[in-house]
Amino acid sequence: MSAKEAENLIMEKGKNGSFLVRESQAHPGEFVLSVCVRGRVSHVMIRKHHDKYDVGSGEQFDDLVGLIEHCRAFPLTESSGDVLRLLQPVSGVRARPLQEVNDYQKLDSSTGFDGEFQSLKMLDERHVFTNFEGIKPENTTKNRYRNVLPYDQTRVVLRRPHSDYINASYVRAATLSQCSSSVQSSTDSLHSVRSLMLNSESKTAPPLVTKSLSDEALREVKRTFRLDKLNGNLCREVTVKDKAYIAAQGCLSHTKDDFWRMIWQEDVRVIAMITNEVENGKKKCERYWPLAGQEEKFDGLTVRNVSETPYEEYLVRELLVTDGGATRALCQYHFTAWPDHGTPGEPAGVLALIEDVNRTMAHNAQDIDAPEQNILCVHCSAGVGRTGTFIVLDILIDKIKTSGEIYCQLLYE
């Protein structure tokens, strides 16, 4: 990005304190901090010497994230006396209708979607979460995969005397953009240093989206959502307020009781299952629901399968769950066209599923016995890849609707 391009991008935001970090065109391998101050853009060269970064203040840093965090806490002062306050990063990809395959190729480049994805790796080293409960001997048999464990800080805790463990975690969408000041600072800094992840591999990789797929995706998005002509954002027909998620692994034969106890305890009314029971000859998830017209008991709960309605790429099961004298209606959406370690062939089914799930949740919120909070339980096999993608898609669609600007790093945090 040139200095002029950076100035145009920052001034488009129109706020003093807006900033970004870009790779220097005049000095390849070095970077420039561009900051809006007093209605103009100031450019500060970031030098790299012996794998250390500095801006001439005497302080040196191992990475750009640390440097930017320091400059946010201790603003630089120009010779003119102007203080360069780093208040809000200029980053993100604005949601808009893309007309040409070149648009998709640009977003898949090192400065677009691919660049943001690569920069997420930097966040892994900053996490301080633990998973002590998941590695306890009495709990290891409850994990489908030994290397996929819930964090102690976000795991669902079962209110049972003999065992409170289940491989499932809360994801609270309402707090994704309301991080603590330290985490927010780290995340904001990552927004501004996406260019740090530029490398030869990402520069030479072929585009991930072909013309036929991109065109089809655009058509399906337009068909599923209506385009707001006033602001160019994609607007969902239904909105679910105060939504939260539980990301879970696929049930094992001996964890079905735990799963249903969690569903009842957390008052979950909608489940999204993004896996098949068997894929490529391997068991991915035990059937934890009764066959149509039948009922089964799980840890004192009675689950009855009232009906099954097949659609092109997913099934909808209407279930009744009873505990003593209390009964709740629950919908399970079973998506069958998302391969493990892959992506659906077409976007239409996923978008339709997300819309259908939200429509049901919005309807549930209007019921007399509505849950206190709208919690969507999502699971695949491991509870990470397809599950995380589905949750992030749902959050991003909500975000696109409200502001049109999306920041993947904030969602990752």
Protein backbone atom coordinates (compact mmCIF):
# COMPACT_ATOMS: atom_id res chain seq x y z
CA MET A 1 0.00 0.00 0.00
CA SER A 2 1.38 3.40 -0.97
CA ALA A 3 1.38 6.46 1.28
CA LYS A 4 -1.35 8.03 -0.85
CA GLU A 5 -3.53 4.93 -0.64
CA ALA A 6 -3.06 4.84 3.12
CA GLU A 7 -4.02 8.51 3.39
CA ASN A 8 -7.15 8.00 1.32
CA LEU A 9 -8.18 4.97 3.35
CA ILE A 10 -7.59 6.67 6.70
CA MET A 11 -9.25 9.95 5.71
CA GLU A 12 -12.24 8.00 4.44
CA LYS A 13 -12.78 6.96 8.04
CA GLY A 14 -12.62 10.62 9.00
CA LYS A 15 -11.37 10.32 12.59
CA ASN A 16 -8.31 11.66 14.33
CA GLY A 17 -6.50 8.74 15.90
CA SER A 18 -7.27 6.32 13.08
CA PHE A 19 -4.14 4.37 12.16
CA LEU A 20 -2.76 1.46 10.19
CA VAL A 21 0.56 -0.29 9.64
CA ARG A 22 1.64 -0.92 6.06
CA GLU A 23 4.68 -2.35 4.35
CA SER A 24 7.03 0.34 3.07
CA GLN A 25 7.23 0.53 -0.70
CA ALA A 26 10.43 2.58 -0.60
CA HIS A 27 12.14 0.24 1.88
CA PRO A 28 10.95 -3.36 1.36
CA GLY A 29 11.01 -5.39 4.56
CA GLU A 30 10.30 -2.35 6.72
CA PHE A 31 6.99 -0.87 7.76
CA VAL A 32 5.27 2.48 8.16
CA LEU A 33 2.84 3.61 10.84
CA SER A 34 0.27 5.98 9.32
CA VAL A 35 -1.81 8.02 11.77
CA CYS A 36 -4.54 10.64 11.38
CA VAL A 37 -3.80 13.72 13.49
CA ARG A 38 -5.44 17.16 13.23
CA GLY A 39 -7.16 16.26 9.97
CA ARG A 40 -4.00 15.08 8.21
CA VAL A 41 -2.08 11.81 7.98
CA SER A 42 1.39 11.50 9.46
CA HIS A 43 3.73 8.67 8.44
CA VAL A 44 6.27 7.21 10.89
CA MET A 45 8.93 4.80 9.64
CA ILE A 46 9.25 1.54 11.60
CA ARG A 47 12.80 0.24 11.40
CA LYS A 48 13.77 -3.40 11.71
CA HIS A 49 17.27 -4.20 12.96
CA HIS A 50 18.45 -7.59 14.22
CA ASP A 51 14.85 -8.85 14.25
CA LYS A 52 13.79 -5.95 16.49
CA TYR A 53 11.34 -3.17 15.61
CA ASP A 54 11.57 0.46 16.68
CA VAL A 55 10.34 3.93 15.70
CA GLY A 56 13.40 5.84 16.85
CA SER A 57 12.22 6.30 20.43
CA GLY A 58 14.88 4.03 21.91
CA GLU A 59 12.45 1.21 22.70
CA GLN A 60 12.79 -2.01 20.68
CA PHE A 61 10.21 -4.75 20.29
CA ASP A 62 10.20 -8.37 19.15
CA ASP A 63 7.14 -7.90 16.97
CA LEU A 64 4.90 -5.21 15.54
CA VAL A 65 2.07 -6.08 17.89
CA GLY A 66 4.18 -5.18 20.91
CA LEU A 67 5.37 -1.97 19.26
CA ILE A 68 1.84 -0.83 18.43
CA GLU A 69 0.60 -1.66 21.92
CA HIS A 70 3.42 0.45 23.36
CA CYS A 71 2.61 3.36 21.05
CA ARG A 72 -1.03 3.14 22.07
CA ALA A 73 -0.09 3.34 25.75
CA PHE A 74 2.68 5.93 25.26
CA PRO A 75 1.81 8.11 22.23
CA LEU A 76 4.58 9.44 20.00
CA THR A 77 5.17 13.18 19.74
CA GLU A 78 6.19 14.84 16.48
CA SER A 79 8.78 17.60 16.29
CA SER A 80 5.89 20.00 15.72
CA GLY A 81 4.47 19.04 19.09
CA ASP A 82 1.51 17.10 17.69
CA VAL A 83 0.77 13.93 19.65
CA LEU A 84 0.10 10.79 17.59
CA ARG A 85 -2.63 9.02 19.51
CA LEU A 86 -3.49 5.56 18.18
CA LEU A 87 -7.19 5.30 18.94
CA GLN A 88 -8.82 3.09 16.33
CA PRO A 89 -7.23 0.82 13.71
CA VAL A 90 -8.26 1.07 10.09
CA SER A 91 -8.79 -2.47 8.93
CA GLY A 92 -11.44 -5.03 8.09
CA VAL A 93 -13.18 -5.90 4.86
CA ARG A 94 -16.35 -4.01 4.12
CA ALA A 95 -19.23 -6.20 3.06
CA ARG A 96 -20.44 -5.26 -0.39
CA PRO A 97 -21.72 -7.03 -3.50
CA LEU A 98 -18.75 -8.26 -5.51
CA GLN A 99 -19.27 -8.22 -9.26
CA GLU A 100 -16.09 -9.65 -10.73
CA VAL A 101 -13.87 -12.61 -9.98
CA ASN A 102 -10.99 -10.12 -9.55
CA ASP A 103 -12.76 -8.79 -6.47
CA TYR A 104 -12.65 -12.23 -4.91
CA GLN A 105 -9.02 -12.74 -5.89
CA LYS A 106 -8.08 -9.47 -4.22
CA LEU A 107 -9.88 -10.47 -1.03
CA ASP A 108 -8.08 -13.81 -1.08
CA SER A 109 -4.73 -12.06 -1.38
CA SER A 110 -2.28 -11.41 1.42
CA THR A 111 -3.94 -8.08 2.20
CA GLY A 112 -7.50 -9.42 2.20
CA PHE A 113 -9.16 -12.45 3.71
CA ASP A 114 -6.03 -14.58 3.50
CA GLY A 115 -3.94 -11.92 5.22
CA GLU A 116 -6.42 -11.67 8.08
CA PHE A 117 -6.51 -15.44 8.39
CA GLN A 118 -2.72 -15.66 8.52
CA SER A 119 -2.54 -12.98 11.22
CA LEU A 120 -4.82 -15.04 13.46
CA LYS A 121 -1.87 -17.33 14.14
CA MET A 122 -0.32 -14.53 16.16
CA LEU A 123 -3.22 -14.64 18.59
CA ASP A 124 -2.60 -18.26 19.57
CA GLU A 125 0.59 -17.30 21.37
CA ARG A 126 -1.25 -14.69 23.44
CA HIS A 127 -3.91 -16.99 24.89
CA VAL A 128 -3.65 -17.78 28.59
CA PHE A 129 -6.51 -20.28 28.76
CA THR A 130 -6.13 -23.68 30.44
CA ASN A 131 -7.76 -27.08 29.98
CA PHE A 132 -6.98 -28.84 33.24
CA GLU A 133 -10.46 -30.39 33.54
CA GLY A 134 -10.29 -31.97 30.11
CA ILE A 135 -7.06 -33.82 30.86
CA LYS A 136 -8.16 -35.30 34.18
CA PRO A 137 -8.12 -39.12 34.02
CA GLU A 138 -11.82 -39.38 34.83
CA ASN A 139 -12.66 -37.01 31.96
CA THR A 140 -10.34 -38.11 29.15
CA THR A 141 -12.72 -40.86 28.03
CA LYS A 142 -15.38 -38.22 27.47
CA ASN A 143 -13.31 -36.48 24.80
CA ARG A 144 -13.80 -37.67 21.24
CA TYR A 145 -10.35 -36.35 20.28
CA ARG A 146 -7.49 -36.14 22.75
CA ASN A 147 -6.21 -32.85 21.34
CA VAL A 148 -9.56 -31.02 21.29
CA LEU A 149 -10.42 -29.94 24.83
CA PRO A 150 -12.63 -27.16 26.22
CA TYR A 151 -11.02 -24.25 28.03
CA ASP A 152 -11.60 -24.23 31.79
CA GLN A 153 -12.57 -20.58 31.54
CA THR A 154 -15.39 -21.12 29.02
CA ARG A 155 -16.49 -24.74 29.42
CA VAL A 156 -20.08 -25.70 30.21
CA VAL A 157 -20.22 -26.97 33.80
CA LEU A 158 -22.89 -29.58 34.46
CA ARG A 159 -24.70 -29.11 37.75
CA ARG A 160 -24.39 -32.72 38.87
CA PRO A 161 -22.70 -34.10 42.00
CA HIS A 162 -20.81 -37.01 40.48
CA SER A 163 -19.37 -35.30 37.37
CA ASP A 164 -19.64 -31.78 35.99
CA TYR A 165 -17.60 -32.35 32.81
CA ILE A 166 -18.72 -32.26 29.19
CA ASN A 167 -16.66 -31.35 26.14
CA ALA A 168 -18.60 -28.19 25.31
CA SER A 169 -17.90 -24.47 25.58
CA TYR A 170 -19.83 -21.23 25.69
CA VAL A 171 -19.41 -18.69 22.91
CA ARG A 172 -21.06 -15.42 23.82
CA ALA A 173 -21.54 -13.28 20.75
CA ALA A 174 -22.59 -10.24 22.77
CA THR A 175 -19.12 -9.92 24.29
CA LEU A 176 -17.02 -10.64 21.23
CA SER A 177 -16.50 -6.94 20.55
CA GLN A 178 -16.38 -5.95 24.23
CA CYS A 179 -13.05 -7.38 25.27
CA SER A 180 -11.05 -6.29 28.29
CA SER A 181 -8.72 -3.37 27.68
CA SER A 182 -5.62 -5.55 27.45
CA VAL A 183 -7.14 -8.07 25.06
CA GLN A 184 -8.77 -5.28 23.06
CA SER A 185 -5.41 -3.57 22.71
CA SER A 186 -3.80 -6.75 21.43
CA THR A 187 -6.63 -7.37 18.99
CA ASP A 188 -6.67 -3.78 17.73
CA SER A 189 -2.94 -3.98 17.19
CA LEU A 190 -3.41 -7.10 15.11
CA HIS A 191 -5.87 -5.21 12.91
CA SER A 192 -3.16 -2.74 12.10
CA VAL A 193 -0.37 -5.23 11.36
CA ARG A 194 -1.95 -7.68 8.94
CA SER A 195 0.86 -6.95 6.53
CA LEU A 196 3.29 -8.59 8.97
CA MET A 197 2.05 -11.98 7.76
CA LEU A 198 2.96 -11.33 4.12
CA ASN A 199 5.14 -14.17 2.88
CA SER A 200 6.10 -15.81 -0.34
CA GLU A 201 3.71 -18.69 0.18
CA SER A 202 0.67 -16.44 0.51
CA LYS A 203 1.82 -14.26 -2.37
CA THR A 204 2.12 -17.12 -4.82
CA ALA A 205 -0.83 -19.24 -3.70
CA PRO A 206 -3.57 -19.53 -6.33
CA PRO A 207 -6.89 -17.85 -5.59
CA LEU A 208 -9.19 -19.98 -3.48
CA VAL A 209 -12.37 -18.98 -5.28
CA THR A 210 -12.98 -19.79 -8.91
CA LYS A 211 -15.15 -17.66 -11.15
CA SER A 212 -17.97 -20.17 -11.34
CA LEU A 213 -18.10 -20.60 -7.58
CA SER A 214 -17.86 -16.88 -6.85
CA ASP A 215 -20.62 -16.06 -9.29
CA GLU A 216 -22.83 -18.77 -7.84
CA ALA A 217 -22.10 -17.65 -4.29
CA LEU A 218 -23.05 -14.09 -5.17
CA ARG A 219 -26.31 -15.20 -6.73
CA GLU A 220 -27.21 -17.33 -3.74
CA VAL A 221 -26.39 -14.61 -1.23
CA LYS A 222 -28.57 -12.18 -3.15
CA ARG A 223 -31.34 -14.76 -3.29
CA THR A 224 -31.20 -15.55 0.42
CA PHE A 225 -30.83 -12.00 1.67
CA ARG A 226 -32.30 -8.75 0.42
CA LEU A 227 -29.80 -6.02 -0.43
CA ASP A 228 -30.39 -2.78 1.43
CA LYS A 229 -30.19 -0.16 -1.32
CA LEU A 230 -29.55 2.65 1.13
CA ASN A 231 -26.33 1.43 2.70
CA GLY A 232 -25.26 -1.53 0.58
CA ASN A 233 -25.37 -3.95 3.50
CA LEU A 234 -26.89 -7.41 3.53
CA CYS A 235 -29.91 -7.44 5.83
CA ARG A 236 -31.37 -10.53 7.42
CA GLU A 237 -35.13 -10.82 7.50
CA VAL A 238 -35.12 -12.13 11.09
CA THR A 239 -33.01 -11.04 14.03
CA VAL A 240 -32.41 -12.87 17.29
CA LYS A 241 -31.47 -10.69 20.24
CA ASP A 242 -29.15 -11.71 23.07
CA LYS A 243 -27.95 -14.77 21.20
CA ALA A 244 -25.34 -17.07 22.69
CA TYR A 245 -23.82 -20.34 21.54
CA ILE A 246 -22.62 -23.63 22.92
CA ALA A 247 -19.96 -25.30 20.77
CA ALA A 248 -19.91 -29.03 21.47
CA GLN A 249 -18.27 -32.19 20.18
CA GLY A 250 -20.30 -34.97 18.61
CA CYS A 251 -21.71 -37.39 21.16
CA LEU A 252 -19.93 -40.58 22.13
CA SER A 253 -21.99 -43.62 23.11
CA HIS A 254 -21.34 -42.91 26.80
CA THR A 255 -21.77 -39.10 26.70
CA LYS A 256 -25.33 -38.92 25.37
CA ASP A 257 -26.71 -38.57 28.91
CA ASP A 258 -24.31 -35.68 29.56
CA PHE A 259 -25.34 -34.00 26.32
CA TRP A 260 -29.05 -34.09 27.07
CA ARG A 261 -28.51 -32.98 30.66
CA MET A 262 -26.63 -29.97 29.29
CA ILE A 263 -29.41 -29.21 26.80
CA TRP A 264 -31.99 -29.24 29.59
CA GLN A 265 -29.82 -27.37 32.11
CA GLU A 266 -29.00 -24.56 29.67
CA ASP A 267 -32.58 -24.46 28.30
CA VAL A 268 -31.44 -24.95 24.72
CA ARG A 269 -34.32 -25.00 22.22
CA VAL A 270 -32.38 -25.30 18.95
CA ILE A 271 -29.52 -27.64 17.99
CA ALA A 272 -27.50 -27.35 14.78
CA MET A 273 -25.75 -30.62 13.90
CA ILE A 274 -23.12 -30.06 11.20
CA THR A 275 -21.94 -33.62 10.63
CA ASN A 276 -23.15 -37.03 9.59
CA GLU A 277 -23.09 -39.99 11.94
CA VAL A 278 -20.53 -41.73 9.71
CA GLU A 279 -18.18 -40.05 7.22
CA ASN A 280 -15.61 -41.83 5.07
CA GLY A 281 -16.22 -45.01 7.01
CA LYS A 282 -15.46 -43.38 10.37
CA LYS A 283 -17.87 -42.76 13.22
CA LYS A 284 -18.21 -39.02 13.69
CA CYS A 285 -21.17 -38.76 16.06
CA GLU A 286 -23.41 -41.22 17.89
CA ARG A 287 -27.12 -40.90 17.22
CA TYR A 288 -28.36 -39.18 20.37
CA TRP A 289 -31.99 -38.76 19.30
CA PRO A 290 -34.73 -41.41 18.96
CA LEU A 291 -36.05 -42.56 15.61
CA ALA A 292 -39.13 -40.82 14.22
CA GLY A 293 -42.21 -41.55 16.31
CA GLN A 294 -40.19 -43.13 19.11
CA GLU A 295 -38.77 -41.99 22.44
CA GLU A 296 -35.69 -42.71 24.52
CA LYS A 297 -34.53 -41.87 28.03
CA PHE A 298 -31.29 -40.07 28.83
CA ASP A 299 -30.27 -39.40 32.45
CA GLY A 300 -33.87 -39.21 33.60
CA LEU A 301 -34.97 -37.12 30.61
CA THR A 302 -37.46 -38.47 28.09
CA VAL A 303 -36.82 -37.42 24.49
CA ARG A 304 -39.52 -38.05 21.88
CA ASN A 305 -39.02 -37.61 18.14
CA VAL A 306 -42.30 -36.04 17.01
CA SER A 307 -41.45 -35.57 13.34
CA GLU A 308 -38.69 -35.37 10.75
CA THR A 309 -38.89 -33.03 7.76
CA PRO A 310 -36.29 -33.49 5.00
CA TYR A 311 -35.01 -30.58 2.94
CA GLU A 312 -32.46 -30.65 0.14
CA GLU A 313 -29.37 -30.47 2.36
CA TYR A 314 -30.66 -30.79 5.91
CA LEU A 315 -33.26 -32.45 8.11
CA VAL A 316 -35.41 -30.78 10.74
CA ARG A 317 -36.38 -32.94 13.71
CA GLU A 318 -39.03 -31.76 16.14
CA LEU A 319 -38.32 -33.20 19.57
CA LEU A 320 -40.11 -33.07 22.91
CA VAL A 321 -37.94 -33.26 26.03
CA THR A 322 -39.60 -34.06 29.36
CA ASP A 323 -38.17 -33.90 32.88
CA GLY A 324 -40.75 -34.90 35.46
CA GLY A 325 -43.82 -32.79 34.75
CA ALA A 326 -42.06 -30.21 32.56
CA THR A 327 -41.87 -30.54 28.78
CA ARG A 328 -40.04 -28.41 26.23
CA ALA A 329 -40.17 -28.41 22.44
CA LEU A 330 -36.82 -28.50 20.68
CA CYS A 331 -35.72 -28.37 17.03
CA GLN A 332 -32.67 -30.16 15.72
CA TYR A 333 -31.31 -28.99 12.36
CA HIS A 334 -29.16 -31.73 10.86
CA PHE A 335 -27.03 -30.45 7.97
CA THR A 336 -25.80 -33.36 5.86
CA ALA A 337 -23.88 -31.70 3.01
CA TRP A 338 -20.78 -30.34 4.78
CA PRO A 339 -17.84 -32.75 4.39
CA ASP A 340 -15.30 -33.13 7.17
CA HIS A 341 -12.15 -31.04 6.48
CA GLY A 342 -13.94 -29.46 3.52
CA THR A 343 -16.58 -26.97 2.50
CA PRO A 344 -20.09 -27.37 1.09
CA GLY A 345 -20.23 -27.47 -2.69
CA GLU A 346 -22.75 -24.63 -2.78
CA PRO A 347 -23.44 -21.83 -0.28
CA ALA A 348 -27.23 -21.88 -0.68
CA GLY A 349 -27.84 -24.73 1.74
CA VAL A 350 -25.74 -23.24 4.53
CA LEU A 351 -27.35 -19.82 4.16
CA ALA A 352 -30.81 -21.37 4.13
CA LEU A 353 -29.97 -23.38 7.24
CA ILE A 354 -28.70 -20.31 9.11
CA GLU A 355 -31.82 -18.39 8.15
CA ASP A 356 -34.10 -21.23 9.20
CA VAL A 357 -32.32 -21.63 12.54
CA ASN A 358 -32.65 -17.93 13.30
CA ARG A 359 -36.30 -17.90 12.29
CA THR A 360 -37.01 -20.69 14.76
CA MET A 361 -35.03 -18.98 17.52
CA ALA A 362 -36.88 -15.72 16.91
CA HIS A 363 -40.18 -17.59 17.11
CA ASN A 364 -39.14 -19.31 20.34
CA ALA A 365 -38.33 -15.94 21.88
CA GLN A 366 -41.97 -14.93 21.43
CA ASP A 367 -43.41 -18.00 23.17
CA ILE A 368 -45.00 -17.78 26.59
CA ASP A 369 -42.41 -20.19 27.99
CA ALA A 370 -39.53 -18.57 26.11
CA PRO A 371 -36.04 -19.31 27.45
CA GLU A 372 -34.32 -16.59 29.45
CA GLN A 373 -31.55 -16.49 26.86
CA ASN A 374 -31.47 -17.61 23.23
CA ILE A 375 -28.79 -20.31 23.22
CA LEU A 376 -27.95 -22.20 20.05
CA CYS A 377 -26.06 -25.46 20.50
CA VAL A 378 -23.84 -26.22 17.51
CA HIS A 379 -21.81 -29.38 17.09
CA CYS A 380 -20.00 -31.33 14.40
CA SER A 381 -17.62 -34.15 15.29
CA ALA A 382 -14.73 -32.42 17.06
CA GLY A 383 -16.74 -29.28 17.79
CA VAL A 384 -14.11 -27.00 16.28
CA GLY A 385 -13.93 -26.72 12.47
CA ARG A 386 -17.43 -26.86 11.06
CA THR A 387 -18.90 -25.80 14.39
CA GLY A 388 -16.70 -22.72 14.65
CA THR A 389 -17.26 -21.81 11.02
CA PHE A 390 -21.03 -22.03 11.41
CA ILE A 391 -21.01 -19.87 14.54
CA VAL A 392 -18.75 -17.24 12.99
CA LEU A 393 -20.87 -17.15 9.83
CA ASP A 394 -23.96 -16.48 11.91
CA ILE A 395 -22.23 -13.76 13.91
CA LEU A 396 -20.77 -12.14 10.79
CA ILE A 397 -24.14 -12.05 9.05
CA ASP A 398 -25.56 -10.24 12.08
CA LYS A 399 -22.58 -7.88 12.06
CA ILE A 400 -22.86 -7.20 8.34
CA LYS A 401 -26.50 -6.33 8.84
CA THR A 402 -25.84 -3.77 11.55
CA SER A 403 -22.68 -2.06 10.33
CA GLY A 404 -21.37 -3.62 7.12
CA GLU A 405 -17.84 -3.84 8.59
CA ILE A 406 -16.43 -7.12 9.80
CA TYR A 407 -13.30 -7.82 11.85
CA CYS A 408 -12.38 -11.50 11.92
CA GLN A 409 -9.75 -11.10 14.65
CA LEU A 410 -12.36 -9.76 17.09
CA LEU A 411 -14.51 -12.80 16.44
CA TYR A 412 -11.53 -15.09 16.94
CA GLU A 413 -10.80 -13.49 20.30
